[in-house]
Structure formats: structure tokens, C-alpha cells
PDB file of N, CA and C in Angstrom:
ATOM      1  N   MET A   1       0.789  -1.199  -0.018  1.00  0.00           N
ATOM      2  CA  MET A   1       0.019  -0.016   0.056  1.00  0.00           C
ATOM      3  C   MET A   1       0.903   1.274  -0.001  1.00  0.00           C
ATOM      4  N   ILE A   2       1.986   1.233   0.775  1.00  0.00           N
ATOM      5  CA  ILE A   2       2.851   2.326   0.822  1.00  0.00           C
ATOM      6  C   ILE A   2       3.439   2.562  -0.568  1.00  0.00           C
ATOM      7  N   GLU A   3       3.884   1.496  -1.204  1.00  0.00           N
ATOM      8  CA  GLU A   3       4.488   1.575  -2.569  1.00  0.00           C
ATOM      9  C   GLU A   3       3.428   2.230  -3.582  1.00  0.00           C
ATOM     10  N   GLU A   4       2.178   1.821  -3.420  1.00  0.00           N
ATOM     11  CA  GLU A   4       1.141   2.337  -4.324  1.00  0.00           C
ATOM     12  C   GLU A   4       0.967   3.875  -4.112  1.00  0.00           C
ATOM     13  N   LEU A   5       0.961   4.282  -2.832  1.00  0.00           N
ATOM     14  CA  LEU A   5       0.814   5.684  -2.517  1.00  0.00           C
ATOM     15  C   LEU A   5       1.969   6.453  -3.021  1.00  0.00           C
ATOM     16  N   ARG A   6       3.202   5.920  -2.895  1.00  0.00           N
ATOM     17  CA  ARG A   6       4.389   6.616  -3.385  1.00  0.00           C
ATOM     18  C   ARG A   6       4.313   6.757  -4.928  1.00  0.00           C
ATOM     19  N   ARG A   7       3.745   5.784  -5.590  1.00  0.00           N
ATOM     20  CA  ARG A   7       3.667   5.798  -7.061  1.00  0.00           C
ATOM     21  C   ARG A   7       2.738   7.022  -7.418  1.00  0.00           C
ATOM     22  N   HIS A   8       1.871   7.448  -6.582  1.00  0.00           N
ATOM     23  CA  HIS A   8       0.985   8.566  -6.844  1.00  0.00           C
ATOM     24  C   HIS A   8       1.477   9.902  -6.215  1.00  0.00           C
ATOM     25  N   GLY A   9       2.727   9.882  -5.738  1.00  0.00           N
ATOM     26  CA  GLY A   9       3.302  11.069  -5.233  1.00  0.00           C
ATOM     27  C   GLY A   9       3.178  11.321  -3.739  1.00  0.00           C
ATOM     28  N   TYR A  10       2.732  10.329  -2.972  1.00  0.00           N
ATOM     29  CA  TYR A  10       2.545  10.499  -1.557  1.00  0.00           C
ATOM     30  C   TYR A  10       3.641   9.711  -0.860  1.00  0.00           C
ATOM     31  N   ASP A  11       4.329  10.414   0.073  1.00  0.00           N
ATOM     32  CA  ASP A  11       5.371   9.751   0.889  1.00  0.00           C
ATOM     33  C   ASP A  11       4.869   9.565   2.238  1.00  0.00           C
ATOM     34  N   VAL A  12       4.306   8.369   2.466  1.00  0.00           N
ATOM     35  CA  VAL A  12       3.657   8.046   3.792  1.00  0.00           C
ATOM     36  C   VAL A  12       4.448   6.902   4.396  1.00  0.00           C
ATOM     37  N   SER A  13       4.765   7.108   5.695  1.00  0.00           N
ATOM     38  CA  SER A  13       5.504   6.052   6.386  1.00  0.00           C
ATOM     39  C   SER A  13       4.527   5.039   7.026  1.00  0.00           C
ATOM     40  N   ALA A  14       5.087   3.877   7.373  1.00  0.00           N
ATOM     41  CA  ALA A  14       4.313   2.875   8.061  1.00  0.00           C
ATOM     42  C   ALA A  14       3.743   3.483   9.435  1.00  0.00           C
ATOM     43  N   GLY A  15       4.554   4.293  10.012  1.00  0.00           N
ATOM     44  CA  GLY A  15       4.167   4.852  11.274  1.00  0.00           C
ATOM     45  C   GLY A  15       2.946   5.854  11.211  1.00  0.00           C
ATOM     46  N   THR A  16       2.717   6.269   9.992  1.00  0.00           N
ATOM     47  CA  THR A  16       1.573   7.101   9.724  1.00  0.00           C
ATOM     48  C   THR A  16       0.354   6.250   9.223  1.00  0.00           C
ATOM     49  N   LEU A  17       0.634   5.321   8.349  1.00  0.00           N
ATOM     50  CA  LEU A  17      -0.411   4.526   7.668  1.00  0.00           C
ATOM     51  C   LEU A  17      -1.100   3.543   8.647  1.00  0.00           C
ATOM     52  N   TYR A  18      -0.344   2.815   9.385  1.00  0.00           N
ATOM     53  CA  TYR A  18      -0.928   1.813  10.262  1.00  0.00           C
ATOM     54  C   TYR A  18      -1.888   2.355  11.287  1.00  0.00           C
ATOM     55  N   PRO A  19      -1.593   3.432  11.972  1.00  0.00           N
ATOM     56  CA  PRO A  19      -2.640   3.933  12.893  1.00  0.00           C
ATOM     57  C   PRO A  19      -3.954   4.366  12.205  1.00  0.00           C
ATOM     58  N   VAL A  20      -3.817   4.787  11.000  1.00  0.00           N
ATOM     59  CA  VAL A  20      -5.040   5.127  10.197  1.00  0.00           C
ATOM     60  C   VAL A  20      -5.822   3.876   9.918  1.00  0.00           C
ATOM     61  N   LEU A  21      -5.112   2.840   9.476  1.00  0.00           N
ATOM     62  CA  LEU A  21      -5.801   1.580   9.125  1.00  0.00           C
ATOM     63  C   LEU A  21      -6.414   0.974  10.379  1.00  0.00           C
ATOM     64  N   HIS A  22      -5.719   1.001  11.545  1.00  0.00           N
ATOM     65  CA  HIS A  22      -6.233   0.472  12.785  1.00  0.00           C
ATOM     66  C   HIS A  22      -7.483   1.252  13.241  1.00  0.00           C
ATOM     67  N   GLY A  23      -7.481   2.534  13.025  1.00  0.00           N
ATOM     68  CA  GLY A  23      -8.581   3.386  13.416  1.00  0.00           C
ATOM     69  C   GLY A  23      -9.844   3.073  12.537  1.00  0.00           C
ATOM     70  N   LEU A  24      -9.588   2.836  11.257  1.00  0.00           N
ATOM     71  CA  LEU A  24     -10.676   2.504  10.345  1.00  0.00           C
ATOM     72  C   LEU A  24     -11.251   1.127  10.679  1.00  0.00           C
ATOM     73  N   GLU A  25     -10.353   0.242  11.116  1.00  0.00           N
ATOM     74  CA  GLU A  25     -10.852  -1.107  11.593  1.00  0.00           C
ATOM     75  C   GLU A  25     -11.662  -0.994  12.845  1.00  0.00           C
ATOM     76  N   ARG A  26     -11.207  -0.125  13.783  1.00  0.00           N
ATOM     77  CA  ARG A  26     -12.018  -0.004  14.990  1.00  0.00           C
ATOM     78  C   ARG A  26     -13.364   0.621  14.786  1.00  0.00           C
ATOM     79  N   LYS A  27     -13.478   1.448  13.688  1.00  0.00           N
ATOM     80  CA  LYS A  27     -14.744   2.048  13.395  1.00  0.00           C
ATOM     81  C   LYS A  27     -15.617   1.119  12.528  1.00  0.00           C
ATOM     82  N   GLY A  28     -15.135  -0.071  12.210  1.00  0.00           N
ATOM     83  CA  GLY A  28     -15.900  -1.056  11.442  1.00  0.00           C
ATOM     84  C   GLY A  28     -15.902  -0.800   9.966  1.00  0.00           C
ATOM     85  N   LEU A  29     -15.003   0.041   9.501  1.00  0.00           N
ATOM     86  CA  LEU A  29     -14.978   0.354   7.998  1.00  0.00           C
ATOM     87  C   LEU A  29     -14.013  -0.583   7.326  1.00  0.00           C
ATOM     88  N   LEU A  30     -13.061  -1.210   7.960  1.00  0.00           N
ATOM     89  CA  LEU A  30     -12.160  -2.174   7.479  1.00  0.00           C
ATOM     90  C   LEU A  30     -12.159  -3.366   8.331  1.00  0.00           C
ATOM     91  N   LYS A  31     -11.768  -4.537   7.731  1.00  0.00           N
ATOM     92  CA  LYS A  31     -11.567  -5.790   8.457  1.00  0.00           C
ATOM     93  C   LYS A  31     -10.184  -6.271   8.005  1.00  0.00           C
ATOM     94  N   SER A  32      -9.475  -6.818   8.967  1.00  0.00           N
ATOM     95  CA  SER A  32      -8.170  -7.340   8.600  1.00  0.00           C
ATOM     96  C   SER A  32      -8.083  -8.819   8.871  1.00  0.00           C
ATOM     97  N   SER A  33      -7.148  -9.497   8.157  1.00  0.00           N
ATOM     98  CA  SER A  33      -6.851 -10.876   8.362  1.00  0.00           C
ATOM     99  C   SER A  33      -5.301 -11.050   8.229  1.00  0.00           C
ATOM    100  N   ARG A  34      -4.854 -12.101   8.791  1.00  0.00           N
ATOM    101  CA  ARG A  34      -3.376 -12.339   8.677  1.00  0.00           C
ATOM    102  C   ARG A  34      -3.136 -13.516   7.701  1.00  0.00           C
ATOM    103  N   GLU A  35      -2.067 -13.370   6.861  1.00  0.00           N
ATOM    104  CA  GLU A  35      -1.800 -14.292   5.823  1.00  0.00           C
ATOM    105  C   GLU A  35      -0.262 -14.600   5.901  1.00  0.00           C
ATOM    106  N   GLN A  36       0.084 -15.843   5.750  1.00  0.00           N
ATOM    107  CA  GLN A  36       1.534 -16.172   5.621  1.00  0.00           C
ATOM    108  C   GLN A  36       1.882 -16.349   4.212  1.00  0.00           C
ATOM    109  N   SER A  37       2.980 -15.719   3.808  1.00  0.00           N
ATOM    110  CA  SER A  37       3.518 -15.855   2.452  1.00  0.00           C
ATOM    111  C   SER A  37       5.026 -15.812   2.491  1.00  0.00           C
ATOM    112  N   ASP A  38       5.593 -16.891   2.074  1.00  0.00           N
ATOM    113  CA  ASP A  38       7.054 -17.065   2.052  1.00  0.00           C
ATOM    114  C   ASP A  38       7.624 -16.837   3.427  1.00  0.00           C
ATOM    115  N   GLY A  39       6.974 -17.338   4.449  1.00  0.00           N
ATOM    116  CA  GLY A  39       7.448 -17.231   5.843  1.00  0.00           C
ATOM    117  C   GLY A  39       7.310 -15.818   6.479  1.00  0.00           C
ATOM    118  N   VAL A  40       6.624 -14.976   5.755  1.00  0.00           N
ATOM    119  CA  VAL A  40       6.376 -13.600   6.264  1.00  0.00           C
ATOM    120  C   VAL A  40       4.874 -13.444   6.469  1.00  0.00           C
ATOM    121  N   GLU A  41       4.553 -12.989   7.701  1.00  0.00           N
ATOM    122  CA  GLU A  41       3.155 -12.747   8.026  1.00  0.00           C
ATOM    123  C   GLU A  41       2.731 -11.332   7.585  1.00  0.00           C
ATOM    124  N   ARG A  42       1.652 -11.286   6.840  1.00  0.00           N
ATOM    125  CA  ARG A  42       1.158 -10.029   6.333  1.00  0.00           C
ATOM    126  C   ARG A  42      -0.301  -9.865   6.822  1.00  0.00           C
ATOM    127  N   ARG A  43      -0.671  -8.551   6.989  1.00  0.00           N
ATOM    128  CA  ARG A  43      -2.007  -8.298   7.379  1.00  0.00           C
ATOM    129  C   ARG A  43      -2.747  -7.735   6.187  1.00  0.00           C
ATOM    130  N   LEU A  44      -3.812  -8.290   5.811  1.00  0.00           N
ATOM    131  CA  LEU A  44      -4.568  -7.834   4.641  1.00  0.00           C
ATOM    132  C   LEU A  44      -5.825  -7.123   5.093  1.00  0.00           C
ATOM    133  N   TYR A  45      -6.170  -6.003   4.505  1.00  0.00           N
ATOM    134  CA  TYR A  45      -7.247  -5.212   4.885  1.00  0.00           C
ATOM    135  C   TYR A  45      -8.260  -5.209   3.742  1.00  0.00           C
ATOM    136  N   ARG A  46      -9.607  -5.382   4.132  1.00  0.00           N
ATOM    137  CA  ARG A  46     -10.675  -5.290   3.161  1.00  0.00           C
ATOM    138  C   ARG A  46     -11.671  -4.370   3.738  1.00  0.00           C
ATOM    139  N   ALA A  47     -12.376  -3.699   2.879  1.00  0.00           N
ATOM    140  CA  ALA A  47     -13.454  -2.801   3.237  1.00  0.00           C
ATOM    141  C   ALA A  47     -14.658  -3.616   3.618  1.00  0.00           C
ATOM    142  N   THR A  48     -15.330  -3.249   4.736  1.00  0.00           N
ATOM    143  CA  THR A  48     -16.585  -3.882   5.130  1.00  0.00           C
ATOM    144  C   THR A  48     -17.683  -3.246   4.297  1.00  0.00           C
ATOM    145  N   THR A  49     -18.915  -3.712   4.517  1.00  0.00           N
ATOM    146  CA  THR A  49     -20.101  -3.156   3.823  1.00  0.00           C
ATOM    147  C   THR A  49     -20.182  -1.691   4.281  1.00  0.00           C
ATOM    148  N   ALA A  50     -20.024  -1.394   5.564  1.00  0.00           N
ATOM    149  CA  ALA A  50     -20.089  -0.015   6.056  1.00  0.00           C
ATOM    150  C   ALA A  50     -18.980   0.779   5.453  1.00  0.00           C
ATOM    151  N   GLY A  51     -17.805   0.212   5.261  1.00  0.00           N
ATOM    152  CA  GLY A  51     -16.675   0.888   4.666  1.00  0.00           C
ATOM    153  C   GLY A  51     -16.940   1.274   3.199  1.00  0.00           C
ATOM    154  N   ARG A  52     -17.540   0.328   2.483  1.00  0.00           N
ATOM    155  CA  ARG A  52     -17.818   0.599   1.047  1.00  0.00           C
ATOM    156  C   ARG A  52     -18.873   1.780   0.964  1.00  0.00           C
ATOM    157  N   LYS A  53     -19.877   1.753   1.877  1.00  0.00           N
ATOM    158  CA  LYS A  53     -20.919   2.811   1.847  1.00  0.00           C
ATOM    159  C   LYS A  53     -20.224   4.212   2.151  1.00  0.00           C
ATOM    160  N   GLU A  54     -19.355   4.182   3.104  1.00  0.00           N
ATOM    161  CA  GLU A  54     -18.636   5.391   3.543  1.00  0.00           C
ATOM    162  C   GLU A  54     -17.776   5.944   2.401  1.00  0.00           C
ATOM    163  N   LEU A  55     -17.152   4.973   1.718  1.00  0.00           N
ATOM    164  CA  LEU A  55     -16.323   5.352   0.532  1.00  0.00           C
ATOM    165  C   LEU A  55     -17.155   5.963  -0.571  1.00  0.00           C
ATOM    166  N   ALA A  56     -18.304   5.332  -0.847  1.00  0.00           N
ATOM    167  CA  ALA A  56     -19.208   5.849  -1.898  1.00  0.00           C
ATOM    168  C   ALA A  56     -19.673   7.314  -1.513  1.00  0.00           C
ATOM    169  N   ALA A  57     -19.924   7.527  -0.250  1.00  0.00           N
ATOM    170  CA  ALA A  57     -20.394   8.855   0.200  1.00  0.00           C
ATOM    171  C   ALA A  57     -19.266   9.900   0.077  1.00  0.00           C
ATOM    172  N   ALA A  58     -18.028   9.491   0.415  1.00  0.00           N
ATOM    173  CA  ALA A  58     -16.920  10.382   0.277  1.00  0.00           C
ATOM    174  C   ALA A  58     -16.661  10.732  -1.217  1.00  0.00           C
ATOM    175  N   LYS A  59     -16.745   9.692  -2.061  1.00  0.00           N
ATOM    176  CA  LYS A  59     -16.536   9.960  -3.510  1.00  0.00           C
ATOM    177  C   LYS A  59     -17.547  10.938  -4.046  1.00  0.00           C
ATOM    178  N   ALA A  60     -18.802  10.820  -3.633  1.00  0.00           N
ATOM    179  CA  ALA A  60     -19.856  11.748  -4.026  1.00  0.00           C
ATOM    180  C   ALA A  60     -19.541  13.188  -3.573  1.00  0.00           C
ATOM    181  N   LYS A  61     -19.041  13.309  -2.349  1.00  0.00           N
ATOM    182  CA  LYS A  61     -18.620  14.639  -1.866  1.00  0.00           C
ATOM    183  C   LYS A  61     -17.464  15.206  -2.649  1.00  0.00           C
ATOM    184  N   VAL A  62     -16.532  14.417  -2.988  1.00  0.00           N
ATOM    185  CA  VAL A  62     -15.382  14.814  -3.730  1.00  0.00           C
ATOM    186  C   VAL A  62     -15.795  15.279  -5.189  1.00  0.00           C
ATOM    187  N   ARG A  63     -16.706  14.501  -5.798  1.00  0.00           N
ATOM    188  CA  ARG A  63     -17.200  14.810  -7.066  1.00  0.00           C
ATOM    189  C   ARG A  63     -17.927  16.142  -7.082  1.00  0.00           C
ATOM    190  N   GLU A  64     -18.703  16.327  -6.043  1.00  0.00           N
ATOM    191  CA  GLU A  64     -19.456  17.628  -5.880  1.00  0.00           C
ATOM    192  C   GLU A  64     -18.507  18.741  -5.732  1.00  0.00           C
ATOM    193  N   LEU A  65     -17.534  18.662  -4.905  1.00  0.00           N
ATOM    194  CA  LEU A  65     -16.488  19.664  -4.690  1.00  0.00           C
ATOM    195  C   LEU A  65     -15.733  20.003  -5.992  1.00  0.00           C
ATOM    196  N   PHE A  66     -15.289  19.032  -6.665  1.00  0.00           N
ATOM    197  CA  PHE A  66     -14.545  19.249  -7.876  1.00  0.00           C
ATOM    198  C   PHE A  66     -15.431  19.836  -8.981  1.00  0.00           C
ATOM    199  N   GLY A  67     -16.723  19.371  -9.007  1.00  0.00           N
ATOM    200  CA  GLY A  67     -17.583  19.946  -9.954  1.00  0.00           C
ATOM    201  C   GLY A  67     -17.839  21.415  -9.768  1.00  0.00           C
ATOM    202  N   GLU A  68     -17.916  21.837  -8.451  1.00  0.00           N
ATOM    203  CA  GLU A  68     -18.021  23.258  -8.177  1.00  0.00           C
ATOM    204  C   GLU A  68     -16.779  24.027  -8.506  1.00  0.00           C
ATOM    205  N   LEU A  69     -15.629  23.413  -8.258  1.00  0.00           N
ATOM    206  CA  LEU A  69     -14.355  24.110  -8.573  1.00  0.00           C
ATOM    207  C   LEU A  69     -14.195  24.371  -9.995  1.00  0.00           C
ATOM    208  N   PHE A  70     -14.638  23.496 -10.847  1.00  0.00           N
ATOM    209  CA  PHE A  70     -14.372  23.619 -12.259  1.00  0.00           C
ATOM    210  C   PHE A  70     -15.652  24.032 -13.072  1.00  0.00           C
ATOM    211  N   GLU A  71     -16.718  24.311 -12.339  1.00  0.00           N
ATOM    212  CA  GLU A  71     -17.982  24.632 -12.923  1.00  0.00           C
ATOM    213  C   GLU A  71     -17.916  25.898 -13.800  1.00  0.00           C
ATOM    214  N   HIS A  72     -17.222  26.916 -13.344  1.00  0.00           N
ATOM    215  CA  HIS A  72     -17.165  28.187 -14.037  1.00  0.00           C
ATOM    216  C   HIS A  72     -15.678  28.527 -14.409  1.00  0.00           C
ATOM    217  N   GLU A  73     -15.137  27.725 -15.241  1.00  0.00           N
ATOM    218  CA  GLU A  73     -13.722  27.855 -15.694  1.00  0.00           C
ATOM    219  C   GLU A  73     -13.719  29.091 -16.633  1.00  0.00           C
ATOM    220  N   SER A  74     -13.340  30.185 -16.038  1.00  0.00           N
ATOM    221  CA  SER A  74     -13.229  31.390 -16.869  1.00  0.00           C
ATOM    222  C   SER A  74     -11.799  32.022 -16.762  1.00  0.00           C
ATOM    223  N   GLY A  75     -10.942  31.319 -16.017  1.00  0.00           N
ATOM    224  CA  GLY A  75      -9.563  31.889 -15.847  1.00  0.00           C
ATOM    225  C   GLY A  75      -9.513  32.752 -14.661  1.00  0.00           C
ATOM    226  N   ARG A  76     -10.599  32.995 -13.919  1.00  0.00           N
ATOM    227  CA  ARG A  76     -10.579  33.863 -12.774  1.00  0.00           C
ATOM    228  C   ARG A  76     -10.895  32.995 -11.542  1.00  0.00           C
ATOM    229  N   LEU A  77     -10.365  33.395 -10.406  1.00  0.00           N
ATOM    230  CA  LEU A  77     -10.689  32.730  -9.130  1.00  0.00           C
ATOM    231  C   LEU A  77     -11.906  33.305  -8.473  1.00  0.00           C
TER     232      LEU A  77
END
């Protein structure tokens, strides 16, 4: 996940990311499981039904905001 964020220009450390993931899990928006791969234990996160609903609502708000920002493109602020 950190590598994917970096690919998009975000420099996020594990010390920043994991508390966010744990908080989302406590709120019931994510669920985690542990998986062994090549002797390394990894934690996998998946969105819950509530998490997917929250994501859809956030996306709608972002679309609305960006729509308003670019609604009157006339070169003036």
C-alpha cells in the first residue's frame, strides 16, 4: 500500500499509515486478516459493507466539490 501511495506522489511512512488503518478497523470500516507468504506474516485489509458505503459517500462529496471548482472555468478565481 505504501508503494502504491508513493507511485501517486505520496510519501507516507508505516508509522503514519498503520494507525489510520487500525482506526478504520476500530470504526468497522475495514476488516483485517493475517496471511503467511514465504514465511512472512502479512495483514490484509478489506473494506466492510459499512466501509464501502462510507467510501461511496466520500466519493460523491469529492465529485461535488470538484464539480463546483471547475464549474465556471473562466480563468478567474
